[in-house]
Amino acid sequence: MARLMNIGFGNVVNTAKIVAVVSPEAAPIKRLVQNARQLGKVIDATQGKRTKSVIVTENDYIVLSALLPDTLGKRFCVNFEDAKGDADET
C-alpha cells in the first residue's frame, strides 16, 4: 500500500519511491536539478518559495520542496513507523 508524505503546501509524495532527500546547496545537487529540468523531470512543489530540499525518486524524477530535509526526514520516519506497525498487526 502506498504511503504518502506531505512535502508542504498540501503536496504529497509516495514514500516507496523516495531514494534521497538532500539539501539543494551543493554543486552536484544543483547540476542534478539543472539536468533534470532540461529533461522535463522536475516537479516544483515549492509554491514559489525558496527550495530547501531536493527529493530524488527511483524513476529519476526530482521533486523540489520548501521544507527542510530534516523536517521531511522526520515525516518519513513517522510514515515508516506507521507502516511497520500496520505490518505487525496483520
PDB file of N, CA and C in Angstrom:
ATOM      1  N   MET A   1       0.844  -1.178   0.000  1.00  0.00           N
ATOM      2  CA  MET A   1       0.000   0.000   0.000  1.00  0.00           C
ATOM      3  C   MET A   1       0.887   1.237   0.000  1.00  0.00           C
ATOM      4  N   ALA A   2       0.546   2.198  -0.803  1.00  0.00           N
ATOM      5  CA  ALA A   2       1.341   3.421  -0.930  1.00  0.00           C
ATOM      6  C   ALA A   2       1.160   4.306   0.302  1.00  0.00           C
ATOM      7  N   ARG A   3       2.258   4.781   0.825  1.00  0.00           N
ATOM      8  CA  ARG A   3       2.257   5.741   1.931  1.00  0.00           C
ATOM      9  C   ARG A   3       2.623   7.093   1.352  1.00  0.00           C
ATOM     10  N   LEU A   4       1.814   8.086   1.613  1.00  0.00           N
ATOM     11  CA  LEU A   4       2.065   9.429   1.113  1.00  0.00           C
ATOM     12  C   LEU A   4       2.599  10.302   2.228  1.00  0.00           C
ATOM     13  N   MET A   5       3.585  11.149   1.892  1.00  0.00           N
ATOM     14  CA  MET A   5       4.183  12.053   2.855  1.00  0.00           C
ATOM     15  C   MET A   5       3.971  13.487   2.372  1.00  0.00           C
ATOM     16  N   ASN A   6       3.479  14.334   3.282  1.00  0.00           N
ATOM     17  CA  ASN A   6       3.265  15.738   2.965  1.00  0.00           C
ATOM     18  C   ASN A   6       4.623  16.424   2.820  1.00  0.00           C
ATOM     19  N   ILE A   7       4.848  17.088   1.676  1.00  0.00           N
ATOM     20  CA  ILE A   7       6.110  17.787   1.449  1.00  0.00           C
ATOM     21  C   ILE A   7       5.910  19.300   1.431  1.00  0.00           C
ATOM     22  N   GLY A   8       4.764  19.737   1.919  1.00  0.00           N
ATOM     23  CA  GLY A   8       4.487  21.162   2.043  1.00  0.00           C
ATOM     24  C   GLY A   8       3.410  21.646   1.102  1.00  0.00           C
ATOM     25  N   PHE A   9       2.606  22.581   1.598  1.00  0.00           N
ATOM     26  CA  PHE A   9       1.555  23.242   0.821  1.00  0.00           C
ATOM     27  C   PHE A   9       0.545  22.268   0.232  1.00  0.00           C
ATOM     28  N   GLY A  10       0.290  21.178   0.950  1.00  0.00           N
ATOM     29  CA  GLY A  10      -0.703  20.206   0.505  1.00  0.00           C
ATOM     30  C   GLY A  10      -0.204  19.250  -0.553  1.00  0.00           C
ATOM     31  N   ASN A  11       1.074  19.288  -0.876  1.00  0.00           N
ATOM     32  CA  ASN A  11       1.662  18.377  -1.862  1.00  0.00           C
ATOM     33  C   ASN A  11       2.170  17.127  -1.142  1.00  0.00           C
ATOM     34  N   VAL A  12       2.004  15.984  -1.784  1.00  0.00           N
ATOM     35  CA  VAL A  12       2.435  14.722  -1.185  1.00  0.00           C
ATOM     36  C   VAL A  12       3.266  13.922  -2.186  1.00  0.00           C
ATOM     37  N   VAL A  13       4.086  13.035  -1.642  1.00  0.00           N
ATOM     38  CA  VAL A  13       4.901  12.161  -2.484  1.00  0.00           C
ATOM     39  C   VAL A  13       4.818  10.740  -1.911  1.00  0.00           C
ATOM     40  N   ASN A  14       4.907   9.756  -2.797  1.00  0.00           N
ATOM     41  CA  ASN A  14       4.865   8.346  -2.411  1.00  0.00           C
ATOM     42  C   ASN A  14       6.201   7.987  -1.756  1.00  0.00           C
ATOM     43  N   THR A  15       6.182   7.597  -0.483  1.00  0.00           N
ATOM     44  CA  THR A  15       7.417   7.316   0.241  1.00  0.00           C
ATOM     45  C   THR A  15       8.145   6.087  -0.304  1.00  0.00           C
ATOM     46  N   ALA A  16       7.441   5.189  -0.958  1.00  0.00           N
ATOM     47  CA  ALA A  16       8.076   3.993  -1.513  1.00  0.00           C
ATOM     48  C   ALA A  16       8.989   4.325  -2.689  1.00  0.00           C
ATOM     49  N   LYS A  17       8.820   5.491  -3.282  1.00  0.00           N
ATOM     50  CA  LYS A  17       9.605   5.876  -4.457  1.00  0.00           C
ATOM     51  C   LYS A  17      10.788   6.789  -4.124  1.00  0.00           C
ATOM     52  N   ILE A  18      10.923   7.199  -2.858  1.00  0.00           N
ATOM     53  CA  ILE A  18      11.989   8.128  -2.471  1.00  0.00           C
ATOM     54  C   ILE A  18      13.317   7.398  -2.337  1.00  0.00           C
ATOM     55  N   VAL A  19      14.341   7.952  -2.986  1.00  0.00           N
ATOM     56  CA  VAL A  19      15.697   7.427  -2.877  1.00  0.00           C
ATOM     57  C   VAL A  19      16.490   8.270  -1.893  1.00  0.00           C
ATOM     58  N   ALA A  20      16.340   9.607  -1.974  1.00  0.00           N
ATOM     59  CA  ALA A  20      17.098  10.505  -1.101  1.00  0.00           C
ATOM     60  C   ALA A  20      16.386  11.836  -0.952  1.00  0.00           C
ATOM     61  N   VAL A  21      16.637  12.482   0.198  1.00  0.00           N
ATOM     62  CA  VAL A  21      16.192  13.855   0.442  1.00  0.00           C
ATOM     63  C   VAL A  21      17.444  14.625   0.819  1.00  0.00           C
ATOM     64  N   VAL A  22      17.818  15.599  -0.021  1.00  0.00           N
ATOM     65  CA  VAL A  22      19.086  16.299   0.155  1.00  0.00           C
ATOM     66  C   VAL A  22      18.897  17.812   0.105  1.00  0.00           C
ATOM     67  N   SER A  23      19.903  18.514   0.600  1.00  0.00           N
ATOM     68  CA  SER A  23      19.917  19.970   0.552  1.00  0.00           C
ATOM     69  C   SER A  23      20.295  20.426  -0.860  1.00  0.00           C
ATOM     70  N   PRO A  24      19.710  21.507  -1.342  1.00  0.00           N
ATOM     71  CA  PRO A  24      19.985  21.960  -2.710  1.00  0.00           C
ATOM     72  C   PRO A  24      21.258  22.800  -2.850  1.00  0.00           C
ATOM     73  N   GLU A  25      22.019  22.985  -1.782  1.00  0.00           N
ATOM     74  CA  GLU A  25      23.156  23.908  -1.785  1.00  0.00           C
ATOM     75  C   GLU A  25      24.394  23.377  -2.495  1.00  0.00           C
ATOM     76  N   ALA A  26      24.635  22.084  -2.483  1.00  0.00           N
ATOM     77  CA  ALA A  26      25.855  21.519  -3.056  1.00  0.00           C
ATOM     78  C   ALA A  26      25.835  21.595  -4.581  1.00  0.00           C
ATOM     79  N   ALA A  27      26.997  21.824  -5.153  1.00  0.00           N
ATOM     80  CA  ALA A  27      27.122  21.944  -6.611  1.00  0.00           C
ATOM     81  C   ALA A  27      26.635  20.697  -7.353  1.00  0.00           C
ATOM     82  N   PRO A  28      26.943  19.476  -6.891  1.00  0.00           N
ATOM     83  CA  PRO A  28      26.430  18.300  -7.618  1.00  0.00           C
ATOM     84  C   PRO A  28      24.903  18.230  -7.635  1.00  0.00           C
ATOM     85  N   ILE A  29      24.279  18.666  -6.555  1.00  0.00           N
ATOM     86  CA  ILE A  29      22.814  18.650  -6.500  1.00  0.00           C
ATOM     87  C   ILE A  29      22.246  19.705  -7.442  1.00  0.00           C
ATOM     88  N   LYS A  30      22.895  20.873  -7.490  1.00  0.00           N
ATOM     89  CA  LYS A  30      22.459  21.914  -8.428  1.00  0.00           C
ATOM     90  C   LYS A  30      22.538  21.413  -9.870  1.00  0.00           C
ATOM     91  N   ARG A  31      23.618  20.686 -10.198  1.00  0.00           N
ATOM     92  CA  ARG A  31      23.758  20.113 -11.547  1.00  0.00           C
ATOM     93  C   ARG A  31      22.687  19.055 -11.800  1.00  0.00           C
ATOM     94  N   LEU A  32      22.408  18.243 -10.787  1.00  0.00           N
ATOM     95  CA  LEU A  32      21.376  17.212 -10.903  1.00  0.00           C
ATOM     96  C   LEU A  32      20.018  17.840 -11.223  1.00  0.00           C
ATOM     97  N   VAL A  33      19.678  18.906 -10.505  1.00  0.00           N
ATOM     98  CA  VAL A  33      18.405  19.595 -10.728  1.00  0.00           C
ATOM     99  C   VAL A  33      18.383  20.233 -12.119  1.00  0.00           C
ATOM    100  N   GLN A  34      19.479  20.867 -12.512  1.00  0.00           N
ATOM    101  CA  GLN A  34      19.556  21.524 -13.830  1.00  0.00           C
ATOM    102  C   GLN A  34      19.383  20.499 -14.951  1.00  0.00           C
ATOM    103  N   ASN A  35      20.067  19.359 -14.841  1.00  0.00           N
ATOM    104  CA  ASN A  35      19.941  18.314 -15.864  1.00  0.00           C
ATOM    105  C   ASN A  35      18.522  17.761 -15.918  1.00  0.00           C
ATOM    106  N   ALA A  36      17.907  17.562 -14.757  1.00  0.00           N
ATOM    107  CA  ALA A  36      16.534  17.058 -14.710  1.00  0.00           C
ATOM    108  C   ALA A  36      15.563  18.078 -15.309  1.00  0.00           C
ATOM    109  N   ARG A  37      15.833  19.360 -15.081  1.00  0.00           N
ATOM    110  CA  ARG A  37      14.996  20.419 -15.675  1.00  0.00           C
ATOM    111  C   ARG A  37      15.021  20.338 -17.196  1.00  0.00           C
ATOM    112  N   GLN A  38      16.209  20.138 -17.746  1.00  0.00           N
ATOM    113  CA  GLN A  38      16.354  20.045 -19.202  1.00  0.00           C
ATOM    114  C   GLN A  38      15.602  18.843 -19.767  1.00  0.00           C
ATOM    115  N   LEU A  39      15.517  17.789 -18.975  1.00  0.00           N
ATOM    116  CA  LEU A  39      14.801  16.583 -19.404  1.00  0.00           C
ATOM    117  C   LEU A  39      13.305  16.638 -19.086  1.00  0.00           C
ATOM    118  N   GLY A  40      12.867  17.703 -18.397  1.00  0.00           N
ATOM    119  CA  GLY A  40      11.462  17.817 -18.018  1.00  0.00           C
ATOM    120  C   GLY A  40      11.079  16.879 -16.886  1.00  0.00           C
ATOM    121  N   LYS A  41      12.031  16.567 -16.005  1.00  0.00           N
ATOM    122  CA  LYS A  41      11.783  15.627 -14.910  1.00  0.00           C
ATOM    123  C   LYS A  41      11.845  16.300 -13.542  1.00  0.00           C
ATOM    124  N   VAL A  42      11.537  17.592 -13.480  1.00  0.00           N
ATOM    125  CA  VAL A  42      11.499  18.308 -12.209  1.00  0.00           C
ATOM    126  C   VAL A  42      10.054  18.632 -11.870  1.00  0.00           C
ATOM    127  N   ILE A  43       9.675  18.324 -10.646  1.00  0.00           N
ATOM    128  CA  ILE A  43       8.361  18.690 -10.129  1.00  0.00           C
ATOM    129  C   ILE A  43       8.604  19.721  -9.036  1.00  0.00           C
ATOM    130  N   ASP A  44       8.160  20.944  -9.272  1.00  0.00           N
ATOM    131  CA  ASP A  44       8.377  22.035  -8.326  1.00  0.00           C
ATOM    132  C   ASP A  44       7.164  22.154  -7.407  1.00  0.00           C
ATOM    133  N   ALA A  45       7.349  21.733  -6.147  1.00  0.00           N
ATOM    134  CA  ALA A  45       6.269  21.778  -5.159  1.00  0.00           C
ATOM    135  C   ALA A  45       6.529  22.866  -4.122  1.00  0.00           C
ATOM    136  N   THR A  46       7.270  23.902  -4.509  1.00  0.00           N
ATOM    137  CA  THR A  46       7.640  24.958  -3.561  1.00  0.00           C
ATOM    138  C   THR A  46       6.609  26.071  -3.471  1.00  0.00           C
ATOM    139  N   GLN A  47       5.663  26.115  -4.386  1.00  0.00           N
ATOM    140  CA  GLN A  47       4.649  27.171  -4.428  1.00  0.00           C
ATOM    141  C   GLN A  47       5.294  28.565  -4.477  1.00  0.00           C
ATOM    142  N   GLY A  48       6.409  28.687  -5.173  1.00  0.00           N
ATOM    143  CA  GLY A  48       7.076  29.968  -5.329  1.00  0.00           C
ATOM    144  C   GLY A  48       8.029  30.330  -4.197  1.00  0.00           C
ATOM    145  N   LYS A  49       8.129  29.484  -3.205  1.00  0.00           N
ATOM    146  CA  LYS A  49       9.050  29.730  -2.082  1.00  0.00           C
ATOM    147  C   LYS A  49      10.446  29.227  -2.456  1.00  0.00           C
ATOM    148  N   ARG A  50      11.403  29.531  -1.590  1.00  0.00           N
ATOM    149  CA  ARG A  50      12.779  29.094  -1.806  1.00  0.00           C
ATOM    150  C   ARG A  50      12.878  27.573  -1.639  1.00  0.00           C
ATOM    151  N   THR A  51      13.620  26.930  -2.528  1.00  0.00           N
ATOM    152  CA  THR A  51      13.831  25.485  -2.439  1.00  0.00           C
ATOM    153  C   THR A  51      14.777  25.184  -1.288  1.00  0.00           C
ATOM    154  N   LYS A  52      14.312  24.361  -0.351  1.00  0.00           N
ATOM    155  CA  LYS A  52      15.144  23.996   0.798  1.00  0.00           C
ATOM    156  C   LYS A  52      15.523  22.530   0.791  1.00  0.00           C
ATOM    157  N   SER A  53      14.833  21.722  -0.028  1.00  0.00           N
ATOM    158  CA  SER A  53      15.223  20.324  -0.142  1.00  0.00           C
ATOM    159  C   SER A  53      14.886  19.789  -1.531  1.00  0.00           C
ATOM    160  N   VAL A  54      15.662  18.801  -1.914  1.00  0.00           N
ATOM    161  CA  VAL A  54      15.506  18.142  -3.203  1.00  0.00           C
ATOM    162  C   VAL A  54      15.241  16.669  -2.915  1.00  0.00           C
ATOM    163  N   ILE A  55      14.133  16.165  -3.442  1.00  0.00           N
ATOM    164  CA  ILE A  55      13.759  14.770  -3.250  1.00  0.00           C
ATOM    165  C   ILE A  55      14.054  14.031  -4.553  1.00  0.00           C
ATOM    166  N   VAL A  56      14.893  13.021  -4.459  1.00  0.00           N
ATOM    167  CA  VAL A  56      15.251  12.205  -5.620  1.00  0.00           C
ATOM    168  C   VAL A  56      14.414  10.937  -5.565  1.00  0.00           C
ATOM    169  N   THR A  57      13.741  10.623  -6.672  1.00  0.00           N
ATOM    170  CA  THR A  57      12.892   9.438  -6.704  1.00  0.00           C
ATOM    171  C   THR A  57      13.540   8.344  -7.541  1.00  0.00           C
ATOM    172  N   GLU A  58      13.071   7.130  -7.385  1.00  0.00           N
ATOM    173  CA  GLU A  58      13.681   5.992  -8.067  1.00  0.00           C
ATOM    174  C   GLU A  58      13.459   5.999  -9.575  1.00  0.00           C
ATOM    175  N   ASN A  59      12.484   6.757 -10.062  1.00  0.00           N
ATOM    176  CA  ASN A  59      12.250   6.837 -11.507  1.00  0.00           C
ATOM    177  C   ASN A  59      12.858   8.106 -12.107  1.00  0.00           C
ATOM    178  N   ASP A  60      13.902   8.630 -11.451  1.00  0.00           N
ATOM    179  CA  ASP A  60      14.698   9.769 -11.929  1.00  0.00           C
ATOM    180  C   ASP A  60      13.959  11.102 -11.965  1.00  0.00           C
ATOM    181  N   TYR A  61      12.849  11.204 -11.270  1.00  0.00           N
ATOM    182  CA  TYR A  61      12.197  12.496 -11.115  1.00  0.00           C
ATOM    183  C   TYR A  61      12.795  13.199  -9.908  1.00  0.00           C
ATOM    184  N   ILE A  62      12.840  14.511  -9.984  1.00  0.00           N
ATOM    185  CA  ILE A  62      13.352  15.351  -8.905  1.00  0.00           C
ATOM    186  C   ILE A  62      12.185  16.205  -8.422  1.00  0.00           C
ATOM    187  N   VAL A  63      11.924  16.166  -7.114  1.00  0.00           N
ATOM    188  CA  VAL A  63      10.842  16.963  -6.531  1.00  0.00           C
ATOM    189  C   VAL A  63      11.474  18.019  -5.637  1.00  0.00           C
ATOM    190  N   LEU A  64      11.109  19.281  -5.868  1.00  0.00           N
ATOM    191  CA  LEU A  64      11.631  20.385  -5.066  1.00  0.00           C
ATOM    192  C   LEU A  64      10.615  20.740  -3.992  1.00  0.00           C
ATOM    193  N   SER A  65      11.112  20.928  -2.765  1.00  0.00           N
ATOM    194  CA  SER A  65      10.229  21.248  -1.644  1.00  0.00           C
ATOM    195  C   SER A  65      10.757  22.460  -0.891  1.00  0.00           C
ATOM    196  N   ALA A  66       9.842  23.219  -0.292  1.00  0.00           N
ATOM    197  CA  ALA A  66      10.205  24.385   0.511  1.00  0.00           C
ATOM    198  C   ALA A  66      10.445  24.009   1.969  1.00  0.00           C
ATOM    199  N   LEU A  67      10.340  22.732   2.307  1.00  0.00           N
ATOM    200  CA  LEU A  67      10.600  22.278   3.672  1.00  0.00           C
ATOM    201  C   LEU A  67      12.039  21.786   3.783  1.00  0.00           C
ATOM    202  N   LEU A  68      12.604  21.902   4.980  1.00  0.00           N
ATOM    203  CA  LEU A  68      13.977  21.459   5.218  1.00  0.00           C
ATOM    204  C   LEU A  68      14.086  19.937   5.132  1.00  0.00           C
ATOM    205  N   PRO A  69      15.259  19.425   4.716  1.00  0.00           N
ATOM    206  CA  PRO A  69      15.443  17.979   4.666  1.00  0.00           C
ATOM    207  C   PRO A  69      15.209  17.299   6.020  1.00  0.00           C
ATOM    208  N   ASP A  70      15.587  17.957   7.122  1.00  0.00           N
ATOM    209  CA  ASP A  70      15.348  17.383   8.453  1.00  0.00           C
ATOM    210  C   ASP A  70      13.862  17.178   8.712  1.00  0.00           C
ATOM    211  N   THR A  71      13.060  18.151   8.332  1.00  0.00           N
ATOM    212  CA  THR A  71      11.607  18.066   8.512  1.00  0.00           C
ATOM    213  C   THR A  71      11.044  16.899   7.710  1.00  0.00           C
ATOM    214  N   LEU A  72      11.474  16.797   6.456  1.00  0.00           N
ATOM    215  CA  LEU A  72      10.986  15.702   5.614  1.00  0.00           C
ATOM    216  C   LEU A  72      11.470  14.358   6.136  1.00  0.00           C
ATOM    217  N   GLY A  73      12.700  14.314   6.637  1.00  0.00           N
ATOM    218  CA  GLY A  73      13.232  13.077   7.203  1.00  0.00           C
ATOM    219  C   GLY A  73      12.417  12.607   8.389  1.00  0.00           C
ATOM    220  N   LYS A  74      12.027  13.535   9.252  1.00  0.00           N
ATOM    221  CA  LYS A  74      11.197  13.182  10.414  1.00  0.00           C
ATOM    222  C   LYS A  74       9.832  12.671   9.963  1.00  0.00           C
ATOM    223  N   ARG A  75       9.261  13.321   8.958  1.00  0.00           N
ATOM    224  CA  ARG A  75       7.964  12.871   8.451  1.00  0.00           C
ATOM    225  C   ARG A  75       8.072  11.490   7.820  1.00  0.00           C
ATOM    226  N   PHE A  76       9.188  11.251   7.143  1.00  0.00           N
ATOM    227  CA  PHE A  76       9.418   9.942   6.530  1.00  0.00           C
ATOM    228  C   PHE A  76       9.511   8.866   7.609  1.00  0.00           C
ATOM    229  N   CYS A  77      10.220   9.157   8.675  1.00  0.00           N
ATOM    230  CA  CYS A  77      10.359   8.189   9.774  1.00  0.00           C
ATOM    231  C   CYS A  77       9.017   7.885  10.421  1.00  0.00           C
ATOM    232  N   VAL A  78       8.189   8.894  10.590  1.00  0.00           N
ATOM    233  CA  VAL A  78       6.849   8.684  11.159  1.00  0.00           C
ATOM    234  C   VAL A  78       6.039   7.775  10.238  1.00  0.00           C
ATOM    235  N   ASN A  79       6.097   8.039   8.925  1.00  0.00           N
ATOM    236  CA  ASN A  79       5.389   7.183   7.964  1.00  0.00           C
ATOM    237  C   ASN A  79       5.929   5.765   8.006  1.00  0.00           C
ATOM    238  N   PHE A  80       7.244   5.616   8.133  1.00  0.00           N
ATOM    239  CA  PHE A  80       7.867   4.296   8.174  1.00  0.00           C
ATOM    240  C   PHE A  80       7.421   3.529   9.420  1.00  0.00           C
ATOM    241  N   GLU A  81       7.400   4.208  10.559  1.00  0.00           N
ATOM    242  CA  GLU A  81       6.967   3.559  11.814  1.00  0.00           C
ATOM    243  C   GLU A  81       5.500   3.151  11.731  1.00  0.00           C
ATOM    244  N   ASP A  82       4.667   4.015  11.125  1.00  0.00           N
ATOM    245  CA  ASP A  82       3.246   3.685  10.962  1.00  0.00           C
ATOM    246  C   ASP A  82       3.093   2.444  10.077  1.00  0.00           C
ATOM    247  N   ALA A  83       3.857   2.382   9.010  1.00  0.00           N
ATOM    248  CA  ALA A  83       3.776   1.248   8.082  1.00  0.00           C
ATOM    249  C   ALA A  83       4.256  -0.016   8.773  1.00  0.00           C
ATOM    250  N   LYS A  84       5.292   0.096   9.577  1.00  0.00           N
ATOM    251  CA  LYS A  84       5.817  -1.049  10.305  1.00  0.00           C
ATOM    252  C   LYS A  84       4.790  -1.570  11.296  1.00  0.00           C
ATOM    253  N   GLY A  85       4.111  -0.642  11.972  1.00  0.00           N
ATOM    254  CA  GLY A  85       3.072  -1.023  12.925  1.00  0.00           C
ATOM    255  C   GLY A  85       1.907  -1.722  12.236  1.00  0.00           C
ATOM    256  N   ASP A  86       1.541  -1.245  11.041  1.00  0.00           N
ATOM    257  CA  ASP A  86       0.461  -1.869  10.288  1.00  0.00           C
ATOM    258  C   ASP A  86       0.841  -3.289   9.890  1.00  0.00           C
ATOM    259  N   ALA A  87       2.106  -3.510   9.524  1.00  0.00           N
ATOM    260  CA  ALA A  87       2.551  -4.837   9.104  1.00  0.00           C
ATOM    261  C   ALA A  87       2.538  -5.801  10.279  1.00  0.00           C
ATOM    262  N   ASP A  88       2.846  -5.312  11.478  1.00  0.00           N
ATOM    263  CA  ASP A  88       2.855  -6.167  12.660  1.00  0.00           C
ATOM    264  C   ASP A  88       1.454  -6.631  13.050  1.00  0.00           C
ATOM    265  N   GLU A  89       0.444  -5.812  12.708  1.00  0.00           N
ATOM    266  CA  GLU A  89      -0.929  -6.121  13.078  1.00  0.00           C
ATOM    267  C   GLU A  89      -1.539  -7.194  12.200  1.00  0.00           C
ATOM    268  N   THR A  90      -1.002  -7.403  10.989  1.00  0.00           N
ATOM    269  CA  THR A  90      -1.606  -8.383  10.085  1.00  0.00           C
ATOM    270  C   THR A  90      -1.021  -9.751  10.234  1.00  0.00           C
TER     271      THR A  90
END
